[in-house]
Amino acid sequence: MSLDMESSMRTDSSMEELGAHFKSWRIMLGLSQELAAQRAHISVPALRRVERGDPGVSLGTLMKLADVLRMDQHMVKAVDPLNHDLGRARAHMLTRKRAKRS
């Protein structure tokens, strides 16, 4: 299996898992698909694509729904490099203007 194919499979799996989590949060908050979509200012089909884990969904759509589900700040914190051991270990690299050429 090629690295590109393996990476694509991981991405698809991650998107499906993320979509399932969004759906779970929506249900636990007692929101119908229609109400969640309305509050996020997205269409119901767009919400369904998020919940199915469609990798073609835009980041903007994900973040609008995350805001409605009160998950937006959790997502931002989750990808903050300074919240992870590797990021803290390499924090000195953040002062560089450009990445080193390999």
N, C-alpha and C. Protein backbone atom coordinates (compact mmCIF):
# COMPACT_ATOMS: atom_id res chain seq x y z
N MET A 1 0.85 -1.18 0.00
CA MET A 1 0.00 0.00 0.00
C MET A 1 0.89 1.24 0.00
N SER A 2 0.56 2.21 -0.84
CA SER A 2 1.36 3.43 -0.92
C SER A 2 1.07 4.33 0.28
N LEU A 3 2.01 5.22 0.56
CA LEU A 3 1.83 6.16 1.67
C LEU A 3 0.64 7.07 1.43
N ASP A 4 0.44 7.50 0.17
CA ASP A 4 -0.70 8.37 -0.15
C ASP A 4 -2.02 7.66 0.14
N MET A 5 -2.10 6.40 -0.24
CA MET A 5 -3.32 5.63 -0.02
C MET A 5 -3.57 5.42 1.47
N GLU A 6 -2.50 5.11 2.21
CA GLU A 6 -2.61 4.91 3.65
C GLU A 6 -3.04 6.20 4.33
N SER A 7 -2.46 7.33 3.93
CA SER A 7 -2.81 8.62 4.49
C SER A 7 -4.27 8.96 4.20
N SER A 8 -4.72 8.68 2.99
CA SER A 8 -6.11 8.94 2.61
C SER A 8 -7.06 8.10 3.44
N MET A 9 -6.70 6.86 3.70
CA MET A 9 -7.54 5.99 4.51
C MET A 9 -7.63 6.48 5.96
N ARG A 10 -6.50 6.97 6.49
CA ARG A 10 -6.50 7.52 7.85
C ARG A 10 -7.37 8.76 7.91
N THR A 11 -7.26 9.62 6.89
CA THR A 11 -8.06 10.83 6.85
C THR A 11 -9.54 10.50 6.80
N ASP A 12 -9.91 9.56 5.93
CA ASP A 12 -11.31 9.16 5.83
C ASP A 12 -11.82 8.61 7.16
N SER A 13 -11.02 7.79 7.80
CA SER A 13 -11.40 7.20 9.08
C SER A 13 -11.55 8.28 10.15
N SER A 14 -10.63 9.23 10.17
CA SER A 14 -10.69 10.32 11.14
C SER A 14 -11.93 11.19 10.90
N MET A 15 -12.24 11.46 9.63
CA MET A 15 -13.41 12.26 9.32
C MET A 15 -14.69 11.54 9.74
N GLU A 16 -14.75 10.24 9.52
CA GLU A 16 -15.92 9.46 9.93
C GLU A 16 -16.08 9.50 11.45
N GLU A 17 -14.97 9.37 12.15
CA GLU A 17 -15.00 9.40 13.61
C GLU A 17 -15.42 10.78 14.11
N LEU A 18 -14.87 11.83 13.51
CA LEU A 18 -15.23 13.20 13.88
C LEU A 18 -16.72 13.44 13.62
N GLY A 19 -17.19 13.01 12.47
CA GLY A 19 -18.61 13.16 12.14
C GLY A 19 -19.51 12.45 13.14
N ALA A 20 -19.12 11.24 13.53
CA ALA A 20 -19.90 10.48 14.52
C ALA A 20 -19.92 11.21 15.86
N HIS A 21 -18.79 11.81 16.23
CA HIS A 21 -18.74 12.57 17.49
C HIS A 21 -19.64 13.79 17.42
N PHE A 22 -19.61 14.50 16.29
CA PHE A 22 -20.48 15.66 16.12
C PHE A 22 -21.95 15.24 16.27
N LYS A 23 -22.30 14.13 15.63
CA LYS A 23 -23.68 13.62 15.70
C LYS A 23 -24.05 13.29 17.15
N SER A 24 -23.13 12.64 17.86
CA SER A 24 -23.39 12.29 19.26
C SER A 24 -23.62 13.53 20.10
N TRP A 25 -22.79 14.55 19.92
CA TRP A 25 -22.96 15.79 20.67
C TRP A 25 -24.30 16.45 20.34
N ARG A 26 -24.66 16.46 19.05
CA ARG A 26 -25.93 17.06 18.65
C ARG A 26 -27.09 16.35 19.34
N ILE A 27 -27.06 15.02 19.35
CA ILE A 27 -28.12 14.25 19.98
C ILE A 27 -28.14 14.49 21.49
N MET A 28 -26.97 14.48 22.13
CA MET A 28 -26.91 14.70 23.58
C MET A 28 -27.40 16.09 23.97
N LEU A 29 -27.25 17.06 23.07
CA LEU A 29 -27.74 18.42 23.33
C LEU A 29 -29.21 18.57 22.98
N GLY A 30 -29.81 17.50 22.47
CA GLY A 30 -31.23 17.52 22.17
C GLY A 30 -31.59 18.33 20.94
N LEU A 31 -30.65 18.43 19.98
CA LEU A 31 -30.90 19.21 18.78
C LEU A 31 -31.24 18.30 17.61
N SER A 32 -32.29 18.65 16.89
CA SER A 32 -32.59 17.93 15.65
C SER A 32 -31.59 18.37 14.60
N GLN A 33 -31.49 17.61 13.51
CA GLN A 33 -30.62 18.03 12.41
C GLN A 33 -31.05 19.38 11.88
N GLU A 34 -32.35 19.59 11.77
CA GLU A 34 -32.87 20.84 11.23
C GLU A 34 -32.50 22.03 12.11
N LEU A 35 -32.67 21.88 13.42
CA LEU A 35 -32.37 22.98 14.34
C LEU A 35 -30.87 23.26 14.39
N ALA A 36 -30.06 22.21 14.45
CA ALA A 36 -28.60 22.39 14.47
C ALA A 36 -28.13 23.09 13.20
N ALA A 37 -28.66 22.66 12.05
CA ALA A 37 -28.28 23.28 10.78
C ALA A 37 -28.70 24.74 10.75
N GLN A 38 -29.90 25.01 11.21
CA GLN A 38 -30.40 26.39 11.23
C GLN A 38 -29.51 27.27 12.10
N ARG A 39 -29.18 26.80 13.29
CA ARG A 39 -28.34 27.59 14.21
C ARG A 39 -26.93 27.78 13.66
N ALA A 40 -26.43 26.81 12.90
CA ALA A 40 -25.09 26.90 12.32
C ALA A 40 -25.08 27.66 10.99
N HIS A 41 -26.25 28.02 10.51
CA HIS A 41 -26.38 28.71 9.21
C HIS A 41 -25.79 27.86 8.08
N ILE A 42 -26.12 26.56 8.13
CA ILE A 42 -25.72 25.64 7.07
C ILE A 42 -26.98 24.86 6.66
N SER A 43 -26.90 24.20 5.54
CA SER A 43 -28.05 23.41 5.09
C SER A 43 -28.09 22.07 5.82
N VAL A 44 -29.25 21.46 5.85
CA VAL A 44 -29.38 20.12 6.45
C VAL A 44 -28.51 19.12 5.70
N PRO A 45 -28.48 19.15 4.35
CA PRO A 45 -27.57 18.22 3.65
C PRO A 45 -26.10 18.43 4.04
N ALA A 46 -25.69 19.67 4.29
CA ALA A 46 -24.30 19.93 4.72
C ALA A 46 -24.06 19.31 6.09
N LEU A 47 -25.04 19.44 6.99
CA LEU A 47 -24.90 18.84 8.32
C LEU A 47 -24.80 17.33 8.20
N ARG A 48 -25.62 16.74 7.33
CA ARG A 48 -25.57 15.29 7.15
C ARG A 48 -24.21 14.85 6.60
N ARG A 49 -23.63 15.66 5.71
CA ARG A 49 -22.30 15.32 5.17
C ARG A 49 -21.26 15.36 6.29
N VAL A 50 -21.36 16.34 7.18
CA VAL A 50 -20.45 16.39 8.33
C VAL A 50 -20.60 15.13 9.16
N GLU A 51 -21.83 14.78 9.50
CA GLU A 51 -22.08 13.64 10.37
C GLU A 51 -21.70 12.32 9.74
N ARG A 52 -21.68 12.25 8.41
CA ARG A 52 -21.23 11.03 7.72
C ARG A 52 -19.72 10.99 7.58
N GLY A 53 -19.06 12.13 7.83
CA GLY A 53 -17.60 12.17 7.71
C GLY A 53 -17.12 12.43 6.31
N ASP A 54 -17.91 13.13 5.53
CA ASP A 54 -17.53 13.48 4.15
C ASP A 54 -16.28 14.35 4.18
N PRO A 55 -15.17 13.89 3.58
CA PRO A 55 -13.93 14.67 3.62
C PRO A 55 -13.98 15.94 2.77
N GLY A 56 -15.04 16.12 1.98
CA GLY A 56 -15.18 17.32 1.16
C GLY A 56 -15.83 18.49 1.88
N VAL A 57 -16.23 18.29 3.13
CA VAL A 57 -16.86 19.36 3.90
C VAL A 57 -15.81 20.42 4.23
N SER A 58 -16.19 21.68 4.11
CA SER A 58 -15.23 22.76 4.36
C SER A 58 -14.96 22.92 5.86
N LEU A 59 -13.79 23.47 6.14
CA LEU A 59 -13.43 23.76 7.53
C LEU A 59 -14.42 24.76 8.13
N GLY A 60 -14.87 25.71 7.32
CA GLY A 60 -15.85 26.70 7.80
C GLY A 60 -17.14 26.03 8.25
N THR A 61 -17.61 25.05 7.49
CA THR A 61 -18.82 24.33 7.85
C THR A 61 -18.60 23.56 9.15
N LEU A 62 -17.46 22.90 9.27
CA LEU A 62 -17.16 22.17 10.51
C LEU A 62 -17.15 23.10 11.71
N MET A 63 -16.52 24.25 11.55
CA MET A 63 -16.41 25.18 12.68
C MET A 63 -17.75 25.83 13.03
N LYS A 64 -18.60 26.08 12.05
CA LYS A 64 -19.93 26.62 12.34
C LYS A 64 -20.72 25.63 13.18
N LEU A 65 -20.65 24.35 12.80
CA LEU A 65 -21.36 23.34 13.56
C LEU A 65 -20.71 23.14 14.94
N ALA A 66 -19.39 23.15 14.99
CA ALA A 66 -18.69 23.02 16.27
C ALA A 66 -19.09 24.14 17.23
N ASP A 67 -19.30 25.34 16.71
CA ASP A 67 -19.74 26.46 17.54
C ASP A 67 -21.11 26.17 18.15
N VAL A 68 -22.04 25.70 17.33
CA VAL A 68 -23.38 25.37 17.82
C VAL A 68 -23.33 24.27 18.87
N LEU A 69 -22.43 23.32 18.69
CA LEU A 69 -22.30 22.20 19.63
C LEU A 69 -21.39 22.52 20.81
N ARG A 70 -20.90 23.76 20.84
CA ARG A 70 -20.02 24.24 21.92
C ARG A 70 -18.70 23.45 21.97
N MET A 71 -18.22 23.06 20.79
CA MET A 71 -16.98 22.29 20.70
C MET A 71 -15.86 23.06 20.02
N ASP A 72 -16.15 24.27 19.53
CA ASP A 72 -15.16 25.00 18.74
C ASP A 72 -13.88 25.29 19.52
N GLN A 73 -13.98 25.75 20.75
CA GLN A 73 -12.78 26.05 21.53
C GLN A 73 -12.02 24.78 21.91
N HIS A 74 -12.73 23.69 22.12
CA HIS A 74 -12.07 22.41 22.40
C HIS A 74 -11.24 21.96 21.20
N MET A 75 -11.79 22.17 20.00
CA MET A 75 -11.06 21.79 18.79
C MET A 75 -9.82 22.65 18.61
N VAL A 76 -9.96 23.94 18.86
CA VAL A 76 -8.82 24.86 18.73
C VAL A 76 -7.72 24.46 19.72
N LYS A 77 -8.09 24.20 20.95
CA LYS A 77 -7.11 23.80 21.97
C LYS A 77 -6.46 22.47 21.63
N ALA A 78 -7.22 21.56 21.02
CA ALA A 78 -6.69 20.23 20.70
C ALA A 78 -5.55 20.29 19.69
N VAL A 79 -5.56 21.28 18.82
CA VAL A 79 -4.50 21.36 17.81
C VAL A 79 -3.43 22.40 18.15
N ASP A 80 -3.53 23.01 19.31
CA ASP A 80 -2.50 23.97 19.75
C ASP A 80 -1.22 23.19 20.04
N PRO A 81 -0.14 23.47 19.30
CA PRO A 81 1.09 22.71 19.50
C PRO A 81 1.66 22.83 20.92
N LEU A 82 1.36 23.91 21.59
CA LEU A 82 1.89 24.08 22.94
C LEU A 82 1.12 23.28 23.99
N ASN A 83 0.06 22.60 23.57
CA ASN A 83 -0.68 21.71 24.46
C ASN A 83 -0.21 20.26 24.35
N HIS A 84 0.89 20.05 23.63
CA HIS A 84 1.40 18.70 23.41
C HIS A 84 2.90 18.66 23.70
N ASP A 85 3.38 17.52 24.15
CA ASP A 85 4.79 17.37 24.50
C ASP A 85 5.72 17.74 23.35
N LEU A 86 5.45 17.22 22.16
CA LEU A 86 6.32 17.51 21.01
C LEU A 86 6.32 18.99 20.69
N GLY A 87 5.16 19.61 20.73
CA GLY A 87 5.08 21.05 20.46
C GLY A 87 5.85 21.87 21.47
N ARG A 88 5.72 21.51 22.74
CA ARG A 88 6.47 22.25 23.77
C ARG A 88 7.96 22.03 23.61
N ALA A 89 8.36 20.81 23.23
CA ALA A 89 9.78 20.52 23.04
C ALA A 89 10.37 21.29 21.86
N ARG A 90 9.54 21.61 20.89
CA ARG A 90 10.02 22.32 19.70
C ARG A 90 9.52 23.76 19.61
N ALA A 91 9.06 24.28 20.71
CA ALA A 91 8.51 25.64 20.72
C ALA A 91 9.53 26.68 20.25
N HIS A 92 10.81 26.40 20.47
CA HIS A 92 11.85 27.34 20.03
C HIS A 92 11.81 27.54 18.52
N MET A 93 11.26 26.59 17.79
CA MET A 93 11.20 26.69 16.33
C MET A 93 10.16 27.71 15.86
N LEU A 94 9.28 28.11 16.74
CA LEU A 94 8.23 29.05 16.37
C LEU A 94 8.74 30.46 16.12
N THR A 95 9.96 30.73 16.56
CA THR A 95 10.53 32.06 16.35
C THR A 95 11.17 32.20 14.97
N ARG A 96 11.33 31.09 14.25
CA ARG A 96 11.91 31.11 12.92
C ARG A 96 10.95 31.77 11.94
N LYS A 97 11.51 32.41 10.94
CA LYS A 97 10.71 33.03 9.88
C LYS A 97 10.21 31.96 8.90
N ARG A 98 11.09 31.01 8.55
CA ARG A 98 10.75 29.97 7.58
C ARG A 98 11.27 28.64 8.08
N ALA A 99 10.68 27.58 7.61
CA ALA A 99 11.14 26.23 7.95
C ALA A 99 12.45 25.96 7.23
N LYS A 100 13.28 25.10 7.83
CA LYS A 100 14.54 24.72 7.19
C LYS A 100 14.26 23.93 5.92
N ARG A 101 15.08 24.12 4.92
CA ARG A 101 14.96 23.33 3.70
C ARG A 101 15.61 21.97 3.94
N SER A 102 15.00 20.95 3.38
CA SER A 102 15.56 19.61 3.57
C SER A 102 16.38 19.18 2.38
